[in-house]
N, C-alpha and C. Protein backbone atom coordinates (compact mmCIF):
# COMPACT_ATOMS: atom_id res chain seq x y z
N UNK A 1 109.59 89.54 117.73
CA UNK A 1 109.51 89.90 116.34
C UNK A 1 109.30 91.41 116.24
N UNK A 2 110.13 92.05 115.44
CA UNK A 2 109.98 93.49 115.29
C UNK A 2 108.92 93.79 114.22
N UNK A 3 108.25 94.90 114.42
CA UNK A 3 107.19 95.29 113.49
C UNK A 3 107.80 96.00 112.29
N UNK A 4 107.46 95.53 111.10
CA UNK A 4 107.97 96.16 109.88
C UNK A 4 107.13 97.38 109.52
N UNK A 5 107.77 98.31 108.83
CA UNK A 5 107.06 99.47 108.31
C UNK A 5 106.04 98.98 107.28
N UNK A 6 104.81 99.49 107.38
CA UNK A 6 103.74 99.13 106.45
C UNK A 6 103.67 100.18 105.33
N UNK A 7 103.75 99.71 104.10
CA UNK A 7 103.76 100.60 102.94
C UNK A 7 102.56 100.29 102.05
N UNK A 8 101.76 101.31 101.81
CA UNK A 8 100.59 101.21 100.93
C UNK A 8 101.08 101.31 99.49
N UNK A 9 100.79 100.30 98.69
CA UNK A 9 101.20 100.27 97.29
C UNK A 9 100.11 100.93 96.45
N UNK A 10 100.46 102.05 95.84
CA UNK A 10 99.52 102.85 95.06
C UNK A 10 99.95 102.75 93.59
N UNK A 11 99.16 102.04 92.79
CA UNK A 11 99.50 101.86 91.38
C UNK A 11 98.21 101.68 90.58
N UNK A 12 98.29 101.88 89.26
CA UNK A 12 97.09 101.76 88.42
C UNK A 12 96.48 100.37 88.50
N UNK A 13 95.15 100.30 88.32
CA UNK A 13 94.48 99.00 88.28
C UNK A 13 93.50 98.91 87.11
N UNK A 14 92.63 99.88 86.96
CA UNK A 14 91.62 99.82 85.89
C UNK A 14 92.29 99.80 84.51
N UNK A 15 91.51 99.49 83.52
CA UNK A 15 92.04 99.39 82.16
C UNK A 15 92.53 97.96 81.95
N UNK A 16 93.82 97.78 81.91
CA UNK A 16 94.42 96.45 81.77
C UNK A 16 94.56 95.84 83.16
N UNK A 17 93.44 95.35 83.71
CA UNK A 17 93.44 94.88 85.10
C UNK A 17 94.40 93.71 85.31
N UNK A 18 94.46 92.79 84.36
CA UNK A 18 95.37 91.65 84.52
C UNK A 18 96.83 92.11 84.51
N UNK A 19 97.18 92.93 83.53
CA UNK A 19 98.55 93.44 83.45
C UNK A 19 98.90 94.32 84.63
N UNK A 20 97.97 95.18 85.03
CA UNK A 20 98.22 96.07 86.17
C UNK A 20 98.32 95.29 87.47
N UNK A 21 97.55 94.21 87.62
CA UNK A 21 97.65 93.38 88.82
C UNK A 21 99.02 92.71 88.87
N UNK A 22 99.51 92.25 87.72
CA UNK A 22 100.84 91.63 87.67
C UNK A 22 101.91 92.66 88.06
N UNK A 23 101.78 93.88 87.54
CA UNK A 23 102.74 94.93 87.91
C UNK A 23 102.66 95.23 89.40
N UNK A 24 101.44 95.33 89.94
CA UNK A 24 101.28 95.61 91.37
C UNK A 24 101.92 94.52 92.22
N UNK A 25 101.78 93.26 91.78
CA UNK A 25 102.43 92.17 92.50
C UNK A 25 103.95 92.34 92.48
N UNK A 26 104.47 92.79 91.35
CA UNK A 26 105.91 93.08 91.27
C UNK A 26 106.32 94.22 92.19
N UNK A 27 105.48 95.24 92.28
CA UNK A 27 105.77 96.36 93.18
C UNK A 27 105.76 95.88 94.63
N UNK A 28 104.82 94.98 94.94
CA UNK A 28 104.79 94.40 96.30
C UNK A 28 106.08 93.63 96.56
N UNK A 29 106.54 92.90 95.56
CA UNK A 29 107.79 92.15 95.69
C UNK A 29 108.95 93.12 95.97
N UNK A 30 108.99 94.22 95.23
CA UNK A 30 110.03 95.23 95.44
C UNK A 30 109.98 95.74 96.88
N UNK A 31 108.79 96.05 97.36
CA UNK A 31 108.63 96.54 98.74
C UNK A 31 109.09 95.49 99.73
N UNK A 32 108.69 94.24 99.52
CA UNK A 32 109.09 93.15 100.41
C UNK A 32 110.61 93.01 100.43
N UNK A 33 111.24 93.12 99.24
CA UNK A 33 112.70 93.04 99.16
C UNK A 33 113.37 94.18 99.92
N UNK A 34 112.67 95.30 100.06
CA UNK A 34 113.19 96.44 100.81
C UNK A 34 112.96 96.27 102.31
N UNK A 35 112.31 95.17 102.72
CA UNK A 35 112.12 94.88 104.13
C UNK A 35 110.87 95.47 104.75
N UNK A 36 109.95 95.94 103.91
CA UNK A 36 108.71 96.51 104.44
C UNK A 36 107.56 95.55 104.17
N UNK A 37 106.43 95.82 104.80
CA UNK A 37 105.22 95.03 104.60
C UNK A 37 104.34 95.74 103.58
N UNK A 38 104.23 95.19 102.36
CA UNK A 38 103.40 95.86 101.34
C UNK A 38 101.91 95.64 101.60
N UNK A 39 101.13 96.70 101.42
CA UNK A 39 99.68 96.65 101.56
C UNK A 39 99.10 97.09 100.22
N UNK A 40 98.46 96.15 99.52
CA UNK A 40 97.94 96.44 98.17
C UNK A 40 96.49 95.99 98.07
N UNK A 41 95.56 96.83 98.53
CA UNK A 41 94.15 96.43 98.50
C UNK A 41 93.63 96.16 97.10
N UNK A 42 94.23 96.77 96.09
CA UNK A 42 93.75 96.54 94.72
C UNK A 42 94.12 95.14 94.21
N UNK A 43 94.93 94.40 94.96
CA UNK A 43 95.16 93.00 94.64
C UNK A 43 94.21 92.08 95.40
N UNK A 44 93.68 92.56 96.52
CA UNK A 44 92.78 91.75 97.35
C UNK A 44 91.30 91.94 96.99
N UNK A 45 90.84 93.16 97.02
CA UNK A 45 89.40 93.42 96.90
C UNK A 45 88.77 92.94 95.59
N UNK A 46 89.46 93.00 94.45
CA UNK A 46 88.85 92.48 93.21
C UNK A 46 88.61 90.97 93.25
N UNK A 47 89.14 90.29 94.26
CA UNK A 47 88.88 88.86 94.39
C UNK A 47 87.43 88.59 94.77
N UNK A 48 86.79 89.58 95.42
CA UNK A 48 85.39 89.38 95.84
C UNK A 48 84.47 90.54 95.52
N UNK A 49 85.01 91.64 95.01
CA UNK A 49 84.18 92.77 94.58
C UNK A 49 84.26 92.88 93.06
N UNK A 50 83.17 93.34 92.44
CA UNK A 50 83.11 93.51 91.00
C UNK A 50 83.48 94.95 90.65
N UNK A 51 84.63 95.12 90.04
CA UNK A 51 85.13 96.44 89.64
C UNK A 51 84.17 97.12 88.65
N UNK A 52 83.39 96.33 87.92
CA UNK A 52 82.46 96.87 86.94
C UNK A 52 81.16 97.41 87.53
N UNK A 53 80.92 97.14 88.80
CA UNK A 53 79.74 97.67 89.49
C UNK A 53 80.21 98.84 90.34
N UNK A 54 79.78 100.04 89.98
CA UNK A 54 80.31 101.26 90.61
C UNK A 54 80.19 101.25 92.13
N UNK A 55 79.08 100.77 92.68
CA UNK A 55 78.92 100.74 94.14
C UNK A 55 79.97 99.84 94.78
N UNK A 56 80.29 98.72 94.13
CA UNK A 56 81.31 97.82 94.68
C UNK A 56 82.70 98.42 94.52
N UNK A 57 82.94 99.10 93.40
CA UNK A 57 84.23 99.78 93.21
C UNK A 57 84.44 100.83 94.30
N UNK A 58 83.39 101.63 94.56
CA UNK A 58 83.49 102.66 95.60
C UNK A 58 83.70 102.05 96.98
N UNK A 59 83.04 100.92 97.24
CA UNK A 59 83.25 100.22 98.52
C UNK A 59 84.70 99.78 98.65
N UNK A 60 85.26 99.27 97.56
CA UNK A 60 86.67 98.86 97.57
C UNK A 60 87.61 100.02 97.81
N UNK A 61 87.33 101.15 97.17
CA UNK A 61 88.16 102.35 97.37
C UNK A 61 88.08 102.82 98.82
N UNK A 62 86.88 102.81 99.39
CA UNK A 62 86.70 103.24 100.79
C UNK A 62 87.44 102.31 101.74
N UNK A 63 87.35 101.00 101.52
CA UNK A 63 88.07 100.06 102.38
C UNK A 63 89.58 100.23 102.22
N UNK A 64 90.00 100.55 101.00
CA UNK A 64 91.42 100.81 100.77
C UNK A 64 91.92 101.99 101.58
N UNK A 65 91.10 103.04 101.68
CA UNK A 65 91.48 104.21 102.48
C UNK A 65 91.57 103.85 103.96
N UNK A 66 90.70 102.94 104.42
CA UNK A 66 90.80 102.48 105.82
C UNK A 66 92.13 101.77 106.05
N UNK A 67 92.53 100.94 105.10
CA UNK A 67 93.82 100.26 105.23
C UNK A 67 94.98 101.25 105.15
N UNK A 68 94.83 102.27 104.32
CA UNK A 68 95.87 103.28 104.18
C UNK A 68 96.16 103.94 105.53
N UNK A 69 95.14 104.11 106.35
CA UNK A 69 95.32 104.72 107.67
C UNK A 69 96.23 103.89 108.58
N UNK A 70 96.34 102.61 108.29
CA UNK A 70 97.19 101.71 109.08
C UNK A 70 98.64 101.73 108.60
N UNK A 71 98.90 102.42 107.50
CA UNK A 71 100.22 102.39 106.87
C UNK A 71 101.09 103.56 107.32
N UNK A 72 102.39 103.34 107.23
CA UNK A 72 103.36 104.36 107.61
C UNK A 72 103.74 105.25 106.44
N UNK A 73 103.56 104.74 105.22
CA UNK A 73 104.00 105.46 104.03
C UNK A 73 103.23 104.94 102.82
N UNK A 74 103.15 105.76 101.78
CA UNK A 74 102.55 105.37 100.50
C UNK A 74 103.65 105.41 99.45
N UNK A 75 103.76 104.34 98.68
CA UNK A 75 104.67 104.31 97.54
C UNK A 75 103.83 104.36 96.27
N UNK A 76 104.08 105.36 95.44
CA UNK A 76 103.31 105.56 94.21
C UNK A 76 104.13 105.05 93.02
N UNK A 77 103.54 104.14 92.25
CA UNK A 77 104.18 103.57 91.08
C UNK A 77 103.39 103.96 89.84
N UNK A 78 104.06 104.54 88.86
CA UNK A 78 103.39 104.89 87.62
C UNK A 78 102.66 106.22 87.70
N UNK A 79 102.05 106.57 86.57
CA UNK A 79 101.29 107.82 86.49
C UNK A 79 99.99 107.69 87.27
N UNK A 80 99.70 108.69 88.08
CA UNK A 80 98.52 108.64 88.96
C UNK A 80 97.22 108.68 88.17
N UNK A 81 96.36 107.72 88.47
CA UNK A 81 95.01 107.69 87.93
C UNK A 81 94.10 108.47 88.88
N UNK A 82 92.81 108.55 88.54
CA UNK A 82 91.86 109.25 89.41
C UNK A 82 91.80 108.62 90.80
N UNK A 83 91.72 107.29 90.85
CA UNK A 83 91.68 106.60 92.14
C UNK A 83 92.96 106.79 92.93
N UNK A 84 94.09 106.72 92.24
CA UNK A 84 95.38 106.92 92.90
C UNK A 84 95.49 108.34 93.46
N UNK A 85 95.02 109.32 92.68
CA UNK A 85 95.07 110.72 93.13
C UNK A 85 94.29 110.89 94.43
N UNK A 86 93.15 110.20 94.54
CA UNK A 86 92.36 110.26 95.78
C UNK A 86 93.14 109.67 96.95
N UNK A 87 93.81 108.54 96.71
CA UNK A 87 94.61 107.91 97.77
C UNK A 87 95.77 108.81 98.20
N UNK A 88 96.43 109.42 97.23
CA UNK A 88 97.56 110.31 97.53
C UNK A 88 97.08 111.51 98.34
N UNK A 89 95.99 112.14 97.90
CA UNK A 89 95.45 113.31 98.61
C UNK A 89 95.05 112.93 100.03
N UNK A 90 94.43 111.76 100.20
CA UNK A 90 94.02 111.29 101.52
C UNK A 90 95.24 111.09 102.42
N UNK A 91 96.28 110.49 101.87
CA UNK A 91 97.51 110.27 102.65
C UNK A 91 98.10 111.60 103.12
N UNK A 92 98.16 112.56 102.21
CA UNK A 92 98.70 113.88 102.56
C UNK A 92 97.86 114.53 103.66
N UNK A 93 96.53 114.46 103.52
CA UNK A 93 95.63 115.03 104.55
C UNK A 93 95.85 114.39 105.91
N UNK A 94 96.19 113.10 105.91
CA UNK A 94 96.37 112.36 107.16
C UNK A 94 97.80 112.44 107.68
N UNK A 95 98.67 113.13 106.97
CA UNK A 95 100.06 113.26 107.41
C UNK A 95 100.90 112.02 107.17
N UNK A 96 100.47 111.18 106.23
CA UNK A 96 101.21 109.96 105.88
C UNK A 96 102.13 110.30 104.72
N UNK A 97 103.40 109.94 104.84
CA UNK A 97 104.38 110.26 103.81
C UNK A 97 104.08 109.58 102.48
N UNK A 98 104.36 110.28 101.39
CA UNK A 98 104.13 109.76 100.04
C UNK A 98 105.47 109.77 99.31
N UNK A 99 105.82 108.63 98.73
CA UNK A 99 107.08 108.49 97.99
C UNK A 99 106.75 108.10 96.55
N UNK A 100 107.17 108.92 95.60
CA UNK A 100 106.96 108.62 94.18
C UNK A 100 108.16 107.82 93.70
N UNK A 101 107.90 106.58 93.31
CA UNK A 101 108.98 105.68 92.92
C UNK A 101 109.43 105.96 91.50
N UNK A 102 110.73 106.04 91.32
CA UNK A 102 111.33 106.29 90.01
C UNK A 102 111.61 104.94 89.34
N UNK A 103 111.66 104.91 88.00
CA UNK A 103 111.89 103.63 87.30
C UNK A 103 113.13 102.89 87.77
N UNK A 104 114.20 103.59 88.08
CA UNK A 104 115.42 102.91 88.52
C UNK A 104 115.26 102.25 89.89
N UNK A 105 114.24 102.62 90.64
CA UNK A 105 113.99 102.03 91.94
C UNK A 105 113.19 100.73 91.83
N UNK A 106 112.76 100.38 90.63
CA UNK A 106 111.86 99.24 90.45
C UNK A 106 112.58 97.98 90.01
N UNK A 107 113.88 98.01 89.88
CA UNK A 107 114.58 96.90 89.27
C UNK A 107 114.48 95.60 90.05
N UNK A 108 114.52 95.63 91.37
CA UNK A 108 114.52 94.41 92.16
C UNK A 108 113.37 93.48 91.85
N UNK A 109 112.20 93.75 92.39
CA UNK A 109 111.07 92.86 92.25
C UNK A 109 110.18 93.17 91.08
N UNK A 110 110.49 94.21 90.33
CA UNK A 110 109.62 94.60 89.25
C UNK A 110 109.36 93.51 88.23
N UNK A 111 110.29 92.56 88.10
CA UNK A 111 110.13 91.48 87.13
C UNK A 111 109.23 90.38 87.66
N UNK A 112 108.98 90.38 88.95
CA UNK A 112 108.17 89.33 89.56
C UNK A 112 106.72 89.76 89.54
N UNK A 113 105.84 88.80 89.49
CA UNK A 113 104.43 89.12 89.52
C UNK A 113 103.58 87.88 89.50
N UNK A 114 104.23 86.72 89.60
CA UNK A 114 103.47 85.48 89.58
C UNK A 114 103.26 84.92 90.98
N UNK A 115 103.91 85.52 91.97
CA UNK A 115 103.71 85.17 93.37
C UNK A 115 103.47 83.70 93.63
N UNK A 116 102.34 83.40 94.22
CA UNK A 116 102.01 82.04 94.62
C UNK A 116 101.85 81.12 93.42
N UNK A 117 101.69 81.67 92.24
CA UNK A 117 101.52 80.84 91.05
C UNK A 117 102.85 80.36 90.50
N UNK A 118 103.94 80.96 90.95
CA UNK A 118 105.26 80.58 90.45
C UNK A 118 105.66 79.21 90.99
N UNK A 119 106.42 78.48 90.23
CA UNK A 119 106.93 77.18 90.66
C UNK A 119 107.94 77.40 91.77
N UNK A 120 107.74 76.74 92.89
CA UNK A 120 108.60 76.93 94.06
C UNK A 120 110.04 76.55 93.78
N UNK A 121 110.28 75.68 92.81
CA UNK A 121 111.65 75.25 92.52
C UNK A 121 112.40 76.26 91.68
N UNK A 122 111.71 77.28 91.15
CA UNK A 122 112.37 78.27 90.29
C UNK A 122 113.49 79.00 91.00
N UNK A 123 113.36 79.22 92.30
CA UNK A 123 114.35 80.00 93.03
C UNK A 123 115.47 79.16 93.60
N UNK A 124 115.48 77.86 93.34
CA UNK A 124 116.51 76.99 93.92
C UNK A 124 117.60 76.68 92.94
């Protein structure tokens, strides 16, 4: 089995967390359709960390940076928030490539975002 390129998905989360999580899932789908392995800590860590507790939010951001070190590239979706700007700066400092995704690049998986919740028969 060949190792796929790992891509850190950098997109907004705070604010409309439900809507932003759905968009992030779509961005992961787009990355997967491109043949890469998407890494989106902002979809994982809120499952067990409370974004409303600053210490837990900071712990999540720190763990996200650890995962970023394992990635080959960062794909940035949307306008950079404060947290995203930190991830982008960290990637640049570490020599990890950063790609700013344009709207026309989002057409493939951008409509998807229900992942495991989608009915498996929908694609048949």
